[in-house]
């Protein structure tokens, strides 16, 4: 369960970072 949680957190950080980068590029 811990490993899955860590993986979810990592994907969340990656997705959030990509979203921010996309918003900055569009801005």
N, C-alpha and C. Protein backbone atom coordinates (compact mmCIF):
# COMPACT_ATOMS: atom_id res chain seq x y z
N UNK A 1 0.85 -1.20 0.00
CA UNK A 1 0.00 0.00 0.00
C UNK A 1 0.89 1.25 0.00
N UNK A 2 1.97 1.20 0.76
CA UNK A 2 2.86 2.37 0.82
C UNK A 2 3.45 2.68 -0.55
N UNK A 3 3.86 1.62 -1.25
CA UNK A 3 4.47 1.83 -2.58
C UNK A 3 3.46 2.48 -3.52
N UNK A 4 2.21 2.00 -3.49
CA UNK A 4 1.18 2.57 -4.37
C UNK A 4 0.95 4.04 -4.03
N UNK A 5 0.94 4.35 -2.74
CA UNK A 5 0.71 5.74 -2.32
C UNK A 5 1.84 6.62 -2.84
N UNK A 6 3.06 6.14 -2.72
CA UNK A 6 4.21 6.93 -3.18
C UNK A 6 4.12 7.14 -4.69
N UNK A 7 3.73 6.07 -5.41
CA UNK A 7 3.62 6.17 -6.87
C UNK A 7 2.53 7.18 -7.24
N UNK A 8 1.41 7.14 -6.51
CA UNK A 8 0.32 8.08 -6.79
C UNK A 8 0.79 9.50 -6.56
N UNK A 9 1.54 9.71 -5.48
CA UNK A 9 2.02 11.05 -5.16
C UNK A 9 2.98 11.53 -6.25
N UNK A 10 3.83 10.63 -6.73
CA UNK A 10 4.80 10.99 -7.77
C UNK A 10 4.06 11.39 -9.04
N UNK A 11 3.07 10.57 -9.45
CA UNK A 11 2.32 10.89 -10.67
C UNK A 11 1.57 12.20 -10.50
N UNK A 12 1.11 12.47 -9.27
CA UNK A 12 0.37 13.71 -9.01
C UNK A 12 1.32 14.90 -9.18
N UNK A 13 2.53 14.77 -8.64
CA UNK A 13 3.51 15.86 -8.77
C UNK A 13 3.86 16.08 -10.24
N UNK A 14 4.07 14.98 -10.96
CA UNK A 14 4.42 15.08 -12.39
C UNK A 14 3.27 15.74 -13.16
N UNK A 15 2.04 15.26 -12.92
CA UNK A 15 0.89 15.83 -13.61
C UNK A 15 0.71 17.30 -13.26
N UNK A 16 0.86 17.64 -11.98
CA UNK A 16 0.71 19.03 -11.56
C UNK A 16 1.77 19.90 -12.20
N UNK A 17 3.01 19.41 -12.24
CA UNK A 17 4.10 20.18 -12.84
C UNK A 17 3.82 20.43 -14.31
N UNK A 18 3.36 19.40 -15.01
CA UNK A 18 3.06 19.54 -16.45
C UNK A 18 1.93 20.56 -16.63
N UNK A 19 0.93 20.50 -15.76
CA UNK A 19 -0.19 21.44 -15.86
C UNK A 19 0.28 22.87 -15.67
N UNK A 20 1.15 23.07 -14.67
CA UNK A 20 1.67 24.42 -14.40
C UNK A 20 2.49 24.90 -15.60
N UNK A 21 3.34 24.03 -16.13
CA UNK A 21 4.19 24.40 -17.27
C UNK A 21 3.30 24.78 -18.45
N UNK A 22 2.24 24.00 -18.66
CA UNK A 22 1.33 24.28 -19.78
C UNK A 22 0.66 25.64 -19.57
N UNK A 23 0.22 25.92 -18.34
CA UNK A 23 -0.44 27.19 -18.06
C UNK A 23 0.54 28.34 -18.27
N UNK A 24 1.79 28.16 -17.84
CA UNK A 24 2.79 29.23 -17.99
C UNK A 24 3.06 29.48 -19.48
N UNK A 25 3.18 28.40 -20.26
CA UNK A 25 3.45 28.56 -21.69
C UNK A 25 2.30 29.29 -22.37
N UNK A 26 1.07 28.93 -21.97
CA UNK A 26 -0.11 29.56 -22.61
C UNK A 26 -0.25 31.01 -22.13
N UNK A 27 0.02 31.23 -20.84
CA UNK A 27 -0.17 32.55 -20.24
C UNK A 27 0.52 33.63 -21.08
